Amino acid sequence: MKYGYVRVSSTDQNEDRQLIALRRKGVAEKRIYMDKLSGKNFERPQYKKMVKKLSRGDLLYVLSIDRLGRNYEEIQQQWRILTKEVGVDICVLDMPLLDTRQCKDLLGTFIADLVLQILSFVAQSERENIKTRQAEGIEAAKVRGVRFGRPKKEVPDDFPDIVKAWENQEITLTEATSKSGLSNSTFYRRIKTLQGENA
């Protein structure tokens, strides 16, 4: 049986490229498993479901080696589980040397293992480089004055008077937050800011 696995981030739009490549290899739609994940979440429910379906002698297609994991160790571990424990062949479409159906002799296995280790290392290095570039870009944007996150909720001009009335128990907390247009937690935070400014 032929299977295919696609992994994209929730913001990534390259799933079509992966799907087209798998269809060209004759993988049936019902045997293509796809996970759409955020950068933080790597649970991969569809991948786990697919691994349970795989049987010895099946063939798994992936477009690139980094679909199997996020880092060097993870890619190596999944490759070992799939090829040794489950007993399937793997074909990495953008790297013909990584096709376990080819050269099953000692030299072929050695070359494939060597290529796998190099590519796993490259995949992890590229991921780390991307994270570094993102962090540098965010830092440069902050220096330019770009603000991230939700905009700070402004307080009304008469906020000090509202706070004073609340502190003097002339109005309730509900009335104070309603007049300020703030939630309870934001109201308390703005009081601390006000106290700091007046200190």
N, C-alpha and C. Protein backbone atom coordinates (compact mmCIF):
# COMPACT_ATOMS: atom_id res chain seq x y z
N MET A 1 0.84 -1.20 0.00
CA MET A 1 0.00 0.00 0.00
C MET A 1 0.88 1.25 0.00
N LYS A 2 0.43 2.26 -0.74
CA LYS A 2 1.12 3.55 -0.75
C LYS A 2 0.41 4.52 0.19
N TYR A 3 1.21 5.21 1.01
CA TYR A 3 0.68 6.23 1.92
C TYR A 3 1.45 7.53 1.68
N GLY A 4 0.83 8.63 2.08
CA GLY A 4 1.50 9.92 1.98
C GLY A 4 1.24 10.72 3.23
N TYR A 5 2.24 11.49 3.64
CA TYR A 5 2.06 12.35 4.81
C TYR A 5 2.41 13.79 4.47
N VAL A 6 1.51 14.69 4.89
CA VAL A 6 1.67 16.13 4.66
C VAL A 6 1.63 16.83 6.01
N ARG A 7 2.57 17.72 6.23
CA ARG A 7 2.53 18.54 7.45
C ARG A 7 2.76 19.99 7.08
N VAL A 8 1.86 20.84 7.51
CA VAL A 8 2.01 22.28 7.30
C VAL A 8 1.70 23.00 8.61
N SER A 9 2.27 24.19 8.77
CA SER A 9 1.92 24.99 9.94
C SER A 9 0.58 25.64 9.68
N SER A 10 -0.05 26.14 10.72
CA SER A 10 -1.39 26.74 10.57
C SER A 10 -1.35 27.98 9.70
N THR A 11 -0.16 28.59 9.54
CA THR A 11 -0.05 29.79 8.71
C THR A 11 0.56 29.49 7.34
N ASP A 12 1.02 28.25 7.16
CA ASP A 12 1.69 27.87 5.92
C ASP A 12 0.67 27.52 4.86
N GLN A 13 0.98 27.82 3.60
CA GLN A 13 0.04 27.55 2.51
C GLN A 13 0.63 26.60 1.47
N ASN A 14 1.63 25.81 1.84
CA ASN A 14 2.26 24.96 0.83
C ASN A 14 1.71 23.54 0.80
N GLU A 15 0.53 23.33 1.38
CA GLU A 15 -0.02 21.97 1.39
C GLU A 15 -0.33 21.48 -0.02
N ASP A 16 -0.75 22.40 -0.93
CA ASP A 16 -1.07 22.00 -2.30
C ASP A 16 0.13 21.39 -3.00
N ARG A 17 1.29 21.98 -2.80
CA ARG A 17 2.51 21.47 -3.42
C ARG A 17 2.80 20.05 -2.95
N GLN A 18 2.62 19.82 -1.65
CA GLN A 18 2.85 18.47 -1.11
C GLN A 18 1.81 17.48 -1.64
N LEU A 19 0.54 17.91 -1.64
CA LEU A 19 -0.54 17.03 -2.10
C LEU A 19 -0.37 16.65 -3.57
N ILE A 20 -0.01 17.63 -4.40
CA ILE A 20 0.19 17.37 -5.85
C ILE A 20 1.29 16.33 -6.04
N ALA A 21 2.40 16.49 -5.29
CA ALA A 21 3.53 15.56 -5.40
C ALA A 21 3.11 14.14 -5.02
N LEU A 22 2.29 14.01 -3.98
CA LEU A 22 1.84 12.68 -3.54
C LEU A 22 0.88 12.06 -4.55
N ARG A 23 -0.03 12.88 -5.08
CA ARG A 23 -0.98 12.36 -6.08
C ARG A 23 -0.26 11.88 -7.33
N ARG A 24 0.80 12.57 -7.71
CA ARG A 24 1.57 12.17 -8.89
C ARG A 24 2.20 10.79 -8.70
N LYS A 25 2.42 10.42 -7.45
CA LYS A 25 2.99 9.10 -7.15
C LYS A 25 1.91 8.04 -6.99
N GLY A 26 0.67 8.42 -7.24
CA GLY A 26 -0.42 7.46 -7.20
C GLY A 26 -0.94 7.13 -5.82
N VAL A 27 -0.70 8.02 -4.86
CA VAL A 27 -1.21 7.79 -3.51
C VAL A 27 -2.69 8.16 -3.48
N ALA A 28 -3.53 7.23 -3.06
CA ALA A 28 -4.98 7.47 -2.99
C ALA A 28 -5.29 8.53 -1.92
N GLU A 29 -6.32 9.33 -2.20
CA GLU A 29 -6.69 10.42 -1.26
C GLU A 29 -6.92 9.89 0.15
N LYS A 30 -7.55 8.72 0.26
CA LYS A 30 -7.88 8.19 1.59
C LYS A 30 -6.64 7.73 2.36
N ARG A 31 -5.50 7.64 1.66
CA ARG A 31 -4.26 7.24 2.34
C ARG A 31 -3.28 8.40 2.45
N ILE A 32 -3.76 9.63 2.24
CA ILE A 32 -2.95 10.82 2.48
C ILE A 32 -3.38 11.41 3.82
N TYR A 33 -2.46 11.53 4.73
CA TYR A 33 -2.75 12.06 6.06
C TYR A 33 -2.09 13.43 6.19
N MET A 34 -2.84 14.39 6.73
CA MET A 34 -2.31 15.75 6.83
C MET A 34 -2.57 16.35 8.19
N ASP A 35 -1.52 16.96 8.74
CA ASP A 35 -1.62 17.70 10.00
C ASP A 35 -1.35 19.17 9.72
N LYS A 36 -2.24 20.01 10.24
CA LYS A 36 -2.03 21.46 10.21
C LYS A 36 -1.77 21.89 11.63
N LEU A 37 -0.57 22.39 11.88
CA LEU A 37 -0.17 22.66 13.26
C LEU A 37 0.41 24.05 13.42
N SER A 38 0.26 24.56 14.62
CA SER A 38 0.97 25.79 14.96
C SER A 38 2.41 25.42 15.29
N GLY A 39 3.24 26.43 15.38
CA GLY A 39 4.65 26.17 15.70
C GLY A 39 4.86 25.51 17.04
N LYS A 40 3.99 25.79 17.99
CA LYS A 40 4.17 25.27 19.35
C LYS A 40 3.61 23.86 19.50
N ASN A 41 2.61 23.54 18.70
CA ASN A 41 1.93 22.26 18.87
C ASN A 41 2.49 21.24 17.88
N PHE A 42 3.01 20.13 18.38
CA PHE A 42 3.53 19.11 17.47
C PHE A 42 2.95 17.74 17.83
N GLU A 43 1.69 17.72 18.23
CA GLU A 43 1.04 16.46 18.61
C GLU A 43 0.84 15.55 17.39
N ARG A 44 0.52 16.11 16.25
CA ARG A 44 0.35 15.40 14.98
C ARG A 44 -0.62 14.20 15.06
N PRO A 45 -1.89 14.46 15.32
CA PRO A 45 -2.85 13.36 15.45
C PRO A 45 -2.98 12.52 14.17
N GLN A 46 -2.94 13.15 13.01
CA GLN A 46 -3.07 12.40 11.76
C GLN A 46 -1.84 11.52 11.50
N TYR A 47 -0.68 12.03 11.86
CA TYR A 47 0.54 11.23 11.70
C TYR A 47 0.45 9.97 12.55
N LYS A 48 0.02 10.13 13.81
CA LYS A 48 -0.11 8.97 14.71
C LYS A 48 -1.13 7.97 14.17
N LYS A 49 -2.21 8.51 13.64
CA LYS A 49 -3.26 7.65 13.06
C LYS A 49 -2.70 6.86 11.88
N MET A 50 -1.90 7.54 11.04
CA MET A 50 -1.31 6.90 9.87
C MET A 50 -0.35 5.79 10.29
N VAL A 51 0.50 6.05 11.28
CA VAL A 51 1.49 5.06 11.72
C VAL A 51 0.79 3.78 12.18
N LYS A 52 -0.37 3.92 12.83
CA LYS A 52 -1.13 2.74 13.27
C LYS A 52 -1.65 1.93 12.09
N LYS A 53 -1.89 2.59 10.97
CA LYS A 53 -2.42 1.91 9.77
C LYS A 53 -1.32 1.22 8.97
N LEU A 54 -0.09 1.73 9.08
CA LEU A 54 1.00 1.19 8.27
C LEU A 54 1.32 -0.26 8.63
N SER A 55 1.65 -1.02 7.60
CA SER A 55 2.05 -2.42 7.78
C SER A 55 3.39 -2.66 7.11
N ARG A 56 4.06 -3.70 7.55
CA ARG A 56 5.35 -4.06 6.96
C ARG A 56 5.21 -4.19 5.44
N GLY A 57 6.14 -3.55 4.72
CA GLY A 57 6.11 -3.61 3.25
C GLY A 57 5.38 -2.46 2.60
N ASP A 58 4.65 -1.64 3.38
CA ASP A 58 3.99 -0.46 2.82
C ASP A 58 5.04 0.58 2.43
N LEU A 59 4.61 1.53 1.61
CA LEU A 59 5.51 2.59 1.15
C LEU A 59 4.95 3.94 1.57
N LEU A 60 5.78 4.74 2.26
CA LEU A 60 5.37 6.07 2.71
C LEU A 60 6.11 7.13 1.92
N TYR A 61 5.35 8.03 1.32
CA TYR A 61 5.93 9.17 0.61
C TYR A 61 5.82 10.43 1.47
N VAL A 62 6.92 11.19 1.55
CA VAL A 62 6.87 12.54 2.11
C VAL A 62 7.64 13.43 1.14
N LEU A 63 7.24 14.70 1.07
CA LEU A 63 7.91 15.59 0.12
C LEU A 63 9.32 15.93 0.57
N SER A 64 9.49 16.21 1.86
CA SER A 64 10.83 16.54 2.36
C SER A 64 11.03 15.93 3.74
N ILE A 65 12.30 15.78 4.10
CA ILE A 65 12.65 15.06 5.33
C ILE A 65 12.13 15.75 6.58
N ASP A 66 12.00 17.08 6.55
CA ASP A 66 11.56 17.79 7.76
C ASP A 66 10.08 17.61 8.06
N ARG A 67 9.35 16.91 7.18
CA ARG A 67 7.95 16.57 7.49
C ARG A 67 7.88 15.55 8.61
N LEU A 68 8.96 14.79 8.81
CA LEU A 68 8.96 13.73 9.82
C LEU A 68 9.23 14.24 11.23
N GLY A 69 9.79 15.43 11.37
CA GLY A 69 10.10 15.94 12.70
C GLY A 69 10.60 17.36 12.68
N ARG A 70 10.70 17.95 13.88
CA ARG A 70 11.11 19.35 14.00
C ARG A 70 12.61 19.51 14.17
N ASN A 71 13.29 18.45 14.59
CA ASN A 71 14.72 18.58 14.85
C ASN A 71 15.43 17.27 14.52
N TYR A 72 16.75 17.32 14.64
CA TYR A 72 17.61 16.20 14.26
C TYR A 72 17.18 14.90 14.93
N GLU A 73 17.03 14.95 16.26
CA GLU A 73 16.71 13.73 17.01
C GLU A 73 15.34 13.17 16.60
N GLU A 74 14.37 14.06 16.44
CA GLU A 74 13.01 13.63 16.12
C GLU A 74 12.94 12.97 14.74
N ILE A 75 13.62 13.57 13.76
CA ILE A 75 13.64 13.00 12.41
C ILE A 75 14.29 11.62 12.44
N GLN A 76 15.44 11.52 13.12
CA GLN A 76 16.14 10.24 13.21
C GLN A 76 15.27 9.18 13.90
N GLN A 77 14.60 9.59 14.98
CA GLN A 77 13.76 8.65 15.74
C GLN A 77 12.61 8.14 14.88
N GLN A 78 11.91 9.05 14.18
CA GLN A 78 10.77 8.63 13.37
C GLN A 78 11.22 7.75 12.20
N TRP A 79 12.35 8.06 11.61
CA TRP A 79 12.88 7.24 10.51
C TRP A 79 13.15 5.81 11.01
N ARG A 80 13.75 5.71 12.21
CA ARG A 80 14.05 4.39 12.77
C ARG A 80 12.77 3.61 13.08
N ILE A 81 11.79 4.29 13.70
CA ILE A 81 10.52 3.63 14.03
C ILE A 81 9.85 3.11 12.76
N LEU A 82 9.78 3.96 11.75
CA LEU A 82 9.07 3.59 10.52
C LEU A 82 9.77 2.47 9.76
N THR A 83 11.09 2.59 9.59
CA THR A 83 11.81 1.61 8.77
C THR A 83 12.16 0.34 9.52
N LYS A 84 12.52 0.46 10.79
CA LYS A 84 12.98 -0.73 11.54
C LYS A 84 11.84 -1.40 12.31
N GLU A 85 11.05 -0.62 13.07
CA GLU A 85 10.01 -1.22 13.90
C GLU A 85 8.75 -1.55 13.11
N VAL A 86 8.28 -0.60 12.32
CA VAL A 86 7.07 -0.85 11.52
C VAL A 86 7.42 -1.64 10.26
N GLY A 87 8.58 -1.36 9.70
CA GLY A 87 9.03 -2.11 8.53
C GLY A 87 8.53 -1.59 7.20
N VAL A 88 8.32 -0.27 7.11
CA VAL A 88 7.86 0.31 5.83
C VAL A 88 9.04 0.90 5.09
N ASP A 89 8.85 1.10 3.78
CA ASP A 89 9.83 1.84 2.99
C ASP A 89 9.43 3.30 3.00
N ILE A 90 10.42 4.18 2.93
CA ILE A 90 10.16 5.62 2.88
C ILE A 90 10.82 6.18 1.63
N CYS A 91 10.07 7.05 0.94
CA CYS A 91 10.62 7.75 -0.22
C CYS A 91 10.45 9.25 0.03
N VAL A 92 11.59 9.96 0.13
CA VAL A 92 11.58 11.42 0.29
C VAL A 92 11.68 12.02 -1.11
N LEU A 93 10.60 12.65 -1.56
CA LEU A 93 10.49 13.05 -2.96
C LEU A 93 11.51 14.09 -3.41
N ASP A 94 11.87 15.02 -2.52
CA ASP A 94 12.84 16.04 -2.96
C ASP A 94 14.29 15.62 -2.71
N MET A 95 14.50 14.36 -2.30
CA MET A 95 15.85 13.84 -2.11
C MET A 95 15.88 12.37 -2.52
N PRO A 96 16.07 12.10 -3.82
CA PRO A 96 16.01 10.72 -4.34
C PRO A 96 16.93 9.73 -3.63
N LEU A 97 18.03 10.21 -3.04
CA LEU A 97 18.92 9.30 -2.32
C LEU A 97 18.24 8.70 -1.10
N LEU A 98 17.20 9.37 -0.59
CA LEU A 98 16.47 8.85 0.56
C LEU A 98 15.24 8.08 0.09
N ASP A 99 15.50 6.93 -0.47
CA ASP A 99 14.45 6.02 -0.92
C ASP A 99 14.90 4.63 -0.49
N THR A 100 14.28 4.11 0.56
CA THR A 100 14.76 2.86 1.15
C THR A 100 14.51 1.64 0.26
N ARG A 101 13.78 1.83 -0.85
CA ARG A 101 13.59 0.71 -1.79
C ARG A 101 14.85 0.47 -2.62
N GLN A 102 15.69 1.51 -2.74
CA GLN A 102 16.89 1.43 -3.57
C GLN A 102 18.07 0.91 -2.74
N CYS A 103 18.93 0.20 -3.39
CA CYS A 103 20.23 -0.20 -2.80
C CYS A 103 20.08 -0.70 -1.37
N LYS A 104 19.47 -1.84 -1.21
CA LYS A 104 19.26 -2.38 0.15
C LYS A 104 20.50 -3.12 0.66
N ASP A 105 21.59 -3.07 -0.11
CA ASP A 105 22.82 -3.70 0.36
C ASP A 105 23.49 -2.81 1.41
N LEU A 106 24.61 -3.27 1.94
CA LEU A 106 25.28 -2.56 3.03
C LEU A 106 25.71 -1.15 2.64
N LEU A 107 26.28 -1.00 1.44
CA LEU A 107 26.74 0.30 0.99
C LEU A 107 25.56 1.26 0.78
N GLY A 108 24.49 0.76 0.18
CA GLY A 108 23.30 1.59 -0.05
C GLY A 108 22.69 2.07 1.26
N THR A 109 22.63 1.15 2.23
CA THR A 109 22.09 1.50 3.55
C THR A 109 22.97 2.54 4.23
N PHE A 110 24.29 2.36 4.12
CA PHE A 110 25.24 3.30 4.71
C PHE A 110 25.07 4.70 4.11
N ILE A 111 24.96 4.76 2.78
CA ILE A 111 24.81 6.06 2.09
C ILE A 111 23.51 6.72 2.51
N ALA A 112 22.42 5.95 2.54
CA ALA A 112 21.11 6.50 2.93
C ALA A 112 21.15 7.03 4.36
N ASP A 113 21.78 6.26 5.27
CA ASP A 113 21.89 6.70 6.67
C ASP A 113 22.71 7.99 6.79
N LEU A 114 23.77 8.06 6.00
CA LEU A 114 24.63 9.24 6.02
C LEU A 114 23.88 10.47 5.51
N VAL A 115 23.17 10.31 4.40
CA VAL A 115 22.39 11.41 3.83
C VAL A 115 21.31 11.84 4.81
N LEU A 116 20.66 10.86 5.45
CA LEU A 116 19.61 11.16 6.42
C LEU A 116 20.16 12.00 7.57
N GLN A 117 21.32 11.62 8.09
CA GLN A 117 21.91 12.37 9.20
C GLN A 117 22.25 13.80 8.77
N ILE A 118 22.82 13.96 7.59
CA ILE A 118 23.18 15.30 7.10
C ILE A 118 21.92 16.15 6.92
N LEU A 119 20.91 15.59 6.27
CA LEU A 119 19.69 16.36 6.01
C LEU A 119 18.94 16.69 7.30
N SER A 120 18.95 15.76 8.26
CA SER A 120 18.30 16.02 9.55
C SER A 120 18.98 17.18 10.25
N PHE A 121 20.31 17.19 10.18
CA PHE A 121 21.09 18.28 10.78
C PHE A 121 20.77 19.61 10.08
N VAL A 122 20.73 19.57 8.75
CA VAL A 122 20.43 20.78 7.97
C VAL A 122 19.04 21.30 8.30
N ALA A 123 18.06 20.39 8.41
CA ALA A 123 16.67 20.78 8.72
C ALA A 123 16.60 21.48 10.08
N GLN A 124 17.29 20.93 11.08
CA GLN A 124 17.28 21.55 12.40
C GLN A 124 18.00 22.89 12.37
N SER A 125 19.13 22.96 11.67
CA SER A 125 19.89 24.22 11.59
C SER A 125 19.05 25.31 10.94
N GLU A 126 18.34 24.95 9.87
CA GLU A 126 17.50 25.93 9.18
C GLU A 126 16.38 26.42 10.08
N ARG A 127 15.78 25.49 10.83
CA ARG A 127 14.72 25.88 11.77
C ARG A 127 15.25 26.85 12.82
N GLU A 128 16.43 26.56 13.35
CA GLU A 128 17.03 27.45 14.35
C GLU A 128 17.40 28.80 13.76
N ASN A 129 17.87 28.80 12.51
CA ASN A 129 18.20 30.06 11.83
C ASN A 129 16.96 30.91 11.62
N ILE A 130 15.85 30.27 11.26
CA ILE A 130 14.59 31.00 11.06
C ILE A 130 14.16 31.65 12.37
N LYS A 131 14.23 30.89 13.48
CA LYS A 131 13.85 31.44 14.79
C LYS A 131 14.74 32.62 15.17
N THR A 132 16.05 32.50 14.88
CA THR A 132 16.99 33.59 15.18
C THR A 132 16.64 34.83 14.36
N ARG A 133 16.38 34.62 13.06
CA ARG A 133 16.03 35.75 12.18
C ARG A 133 14.73 36.40 12.63
N GLN A 134 13.76 35.60 13.06
CA GLN A 134 12.49 36.15 13.54
C GLN A 134 12.72 37.01 14.79
N ALA A 135 13.52 36.49 15.73
CA ALA A 135 13.80 37.22 16.97
C ALA A 135 14.52 38.53 16.66
N GLU A 136 15.48 38.47 15.72
CA GLU A 136 16.21 39.68 15.34
C GLU A 136 15.28 40.69 14.68
N GLY A 137 14.35 40.19 13.85
CA GLY A 137 13.39 41.07 13.18
C GLY A 137 12.46 41.75 14.17
N ILE A 138 12.02 40.99 15.17
CA ILE A 138 11.13 41.55 16.21
C ILE A 138 11.88 42.61 17.02
N GLU A 139 13.13 42.31 17.36
CA GLU A 139 13.93 43.26 18.14
C GLU A 139 14.16 44.55 17.35
N ALA A 140 14.46 44.41 16.05
CA ALA A 140 14.67 45.58 15.20
C ALA A 140 13.40 46.41 15.09
N ALA A 141 12.25 45.72 15.00
CA ALA A 141 10.96 46.43 14.92
C ALA A 141 10.68 47.19 16.21
N LYS A 142 11.01 46.58 17.36
CA LYS A 142 10.80 47.25 18.65
C LYS A 142 11.65 48.51 18.74
N VAL A 143 12.90 48.42 18.25
CA VAL A 143 13.79 49.58 18.25
C VAL A 143 13.19 50.71 17.41
N ARG A 144 12.52 50.34 16.31
CA ARG A 144 11.88 51.34 15.44
C ARG A 144 10.58 51.88 16.04
N GLY A 145 10.15 51.28 17.18
CA GLY A 145 8.95 51.77 17.84
C GLY A 145 7.69 50.99 17.51
N VAL A 146 7.84 49.88 16.79
CA VAL A 146 6.68 49.05 16.48
C VAL A 146 6.24 48.35 17.75
N ARG A 147 4.95 48.39 18.02
CA ARG A 147 4.42 47.74 19.23
C ARG A 147 3.71 46.46 18.86
N PHE A 148 3.90 45.42 19.67
CA PHE A 148 3.28 44.12 19.43
C PHE A 148 2.20 43.87 20.46
N GLY A 149 1.27 43.00 20.12
CA GLY A 149 0.18 42.67 21.03
C GLY A 149 -0.97 43.63 20.88
N ARG A 150 -1.96 43.47 21.77
CA ARG A 150 -3.14 44.32 21.72
C ARG A 150 -2.79 45.75 22.11
N PRO A 151 -3.43 46.72 21.48
CA PRO A 151 -3.15 48.10 21.87
C PRO A 151 -3.57 48.35 23.32
N LYS A 152 -2.82 49.19 24.00
CA LYS A 152 -3.10 49.50 25.41
C LYS A 152 -4.42 50.27 25.51
N LYS A 153 -5.27 49.80 26.40
CA LYS A 153 -6.57 50.45 26.59
C LYS A 153 -6.37 51.79 27.30
N GLU A 154 -6.85 52.85 26.66
CA GLU A 154 -6.70 54.19 27.24
C GLU A 154 -7.72 54.41 28.35
N VAL A 155 -7.32 55.21 29.33
CA VAL A 155 -8.24 55.54 30.42
C VAL A 155 -8.84 56.92 30.14
N PRO A 156 -10.05 57.17 30.64
CA PRO A 156 -10.66 58.49 30.43
C PRO A 156 -9.89 59.59 31.16
N ASP A 157 -10.08 60.82 30.73
CA ASP A 157 -9.38 61.96 31.34
C ASP A 157 -9.69 62.10 32.83
N ASP A 158 -10.92 61.72 33.21
CA ASP A 158 -11.30 61.87 34.62
C ASP A 158 -11.01 60.61 35.44
N PHE A 159 -10.12 59.77 34.94
CA PHE A 159 -9.79 58.52 35.64
C PHE A 159 -9.31 58.76 37.07
N PRO A 160 -8.44 59.75 37.32
CA PRO A 160 -8.01 59.99 38.71
C PRO A 160 -9.19 60.31 39.63
N ASP A 161 -10.18 61.03 39.11
CA ASP A 161 -11.36 61.37 39.91
C ASP A 161 -12.20 60.13 40.20
N ILE A 162 -12.32 59.25 39.20
CA ILE A 162 -13.07 57.99 39.38
C ILE A 162 -12.40 57.14 40.44
N VAL A 163 -11.07 57.03 40.37
CA VAL A 163 -10.32 56.23 41.34
C VAL A 163 -10.50 56.80 42.75
N LYS A 164 -10.42 58.14 42.85
CA LYS A 164 -10.58 58.78 44.15
C LYS A 164 -11.96 58.51 44.73
N ALA A 165 -12.99 58.60 43.88
CA ALA A 165 -14.36 58.33 44.34
C ALA A 165 -14.50 56.89 44.80
N TRP A 166 -13.86 55.98 44.07
CA TRP A 166 -13.91 54.55 44.44
C TRP A 166 -13.17 54.31 45.76
N GLU A 167 -12.00 54.92 45.91
CA GLU A 167 -11.22 54.75 47.14
C GLU A 167 -11.95 55.33 48.35
N ASN A 168 -12.72 56.39 48.12
CA ASN A 168 -13.49 57.01 49.21
C ASN A 168 -14.85 56.32 49.43
N GLN A 169 -15.05 55.21 48.68
CA GLN A 169 -16.27 54.40 48.78
C GLN A 169 -17.54 55.19 48.42
N GLU A 170 -17.33 56.17 47.53
CA GLU A 170 -18.48 56.93 47.03
C GLU A 170 -19.15 56.18 45.89
N ILE A 171 -18.39 55.34 45.20
CA ILE A 171 -18.95 54.50 44.13
C ILE A 171 -18.40 53.08 44.32
N THR A 172 -19.11 52.09 43.74
CA THR A 172 -18.68 50.69 43.84
C THR A 172 -17.63 50.40 42.77
N LEU A 173 -16.99 49.25 42.89
CA LEU A 173 -16.02 48.83 41.87
C LEU A 173 -16.70 48.70 40.51
N THR A 174 -17.90 48.13 40.49
CA THR A 174 -18.65 47.97 39.24
C THR A 174 -18.90 49.33 38.58
N GLU A 175 -19.28 50.30 39.39
CA GLU A 175 -19.53 51.65 38.85
C GLU A 175 -18.22 52.27 38.34
N ALA A 176 -17.14 52.06 39.09
CA ALA A 176 -15.85 52.63 38.70
C ALA A 176 -15.35 52.04 37.38
N THR A 177 -15.47 50.72 37.24
CA THR A 177 -15.01 50.09 35.99
C THR A 177 -15.91 50.46 34.83
N SER A 178 -17.19 50.60 35.10
CA SER A 178 -18.15 51.00 34.06
C SER A 178 -17.85 52.42 33.57
N LYS A 179 -17.60 53.33 34.50
CA LYS A 179 -17.29 54.72 34.14
C LYS A 179 -15.96 54.80 33.39
N SER A 180 -15.01 53.91 33.76
CA SER A 180 -13.68 53.92 33.14
C SER A 180 -13.67 53.19 31.79
N GLY A 181 -14.64 52.29 31.62
CA GLY A 181 -14.64 51.46 30.40
C GLY A 181 -13.55 50.40 30.44
N LEU A 182 -13.22 49.93 31.66
CA LEU A 182 -12.14 48.96 31.84
C LEU A 182 -12.65 47.71 32.54
N SER A 183 -11.92 46.62 32.34
CA SER A 183 -12.22 45.40 33.11
C SER A 183 -11.64 45.59 34.51
N ASN A 184 -12.02 44.72 35.44
CA ASN A 184 -11.51 44.81 36.82
C ASN A 184 -9.98 44.77 36.86
N SER A 185 -9.39 43.77 36.14
CA SER A 185 -7.93 43.61 36.19
C SER A 185 -7.22 44.82 35.58
N THR A 186 -7.76 45.34 34.47
CA THR A 186 -7.15 46.51 33.83
C THR A 186 -7.30 47.73 34.73
N PHE A 187 -8.44 47.84 35.40
CA PHE A 187 -8.69 48.95 36.33
C PHE A 187 -7.61 48.98 37.42
N TYR A 188 -7.35 47.80 38.02
CA TYR A 188 -6.33 47.72 39.07
C TYR A 188 -4.93 48.04 38.53
N ARG A 189 -4.65 47.56 37.30
CA ARG A 189 -3.33 47.84 36.72
C ARG A 189 -3.15 49.34 36.47
N ARG A 190 -4.19 49.98 36.00
CA ARG A 190 -4.10 51.42 35.72
C ARG A 190 -3.95 52.23 37.03
N ILE A 191 -4.54 51.73 38.10
CA ILE A 191 -4.37 52.39 39.41
C ILE A 191 -2.89 52.35 39.81
N LYS A 192 -2.26 51.17 39.62
CA LYS A 192 -0.83 51.03 39.96
C LYS A 192 0.01 51.98 39.11
N THR A 193 -0.33 52.07 37.82
CA THR A 193 0.39 52.99 36.93
C THR A 193 0.22 54.43 37.41
N LEU A 194 -1.00 54.77 37.78
CA LEU A 194 -1.30 56.13 38.26
C LEU A 194 -0.54 56.43 39.54
N GLN A 195 -0.49 55.44 40.44
CA GLN A 195 0.23 55.63 41.70
C GLN A 195 1.72 55.81 41.45
N GLY A 196 2.25 55.06 40.46
CA GLY A 196 3.66 55.19 40.10
C GLY A 196 4.00 56.55 39.53
N GLU A 197 3.07 57.08 38.72
CA GLU A 197 3.28 58.41 38.14
C GLU A 197 3.24 59.50 39.20
N ASN A 198 2.41 59.27 40.25
CA ASN A 198 2.25 60.30 41.30
C ASN A 198 3.27 60.15 42.44
N ALA A 199 4.06 59.05 42.38
CA ALA A 199 5.00 58.80 43.47
C ALA A 199 6.16 59.81 43.44
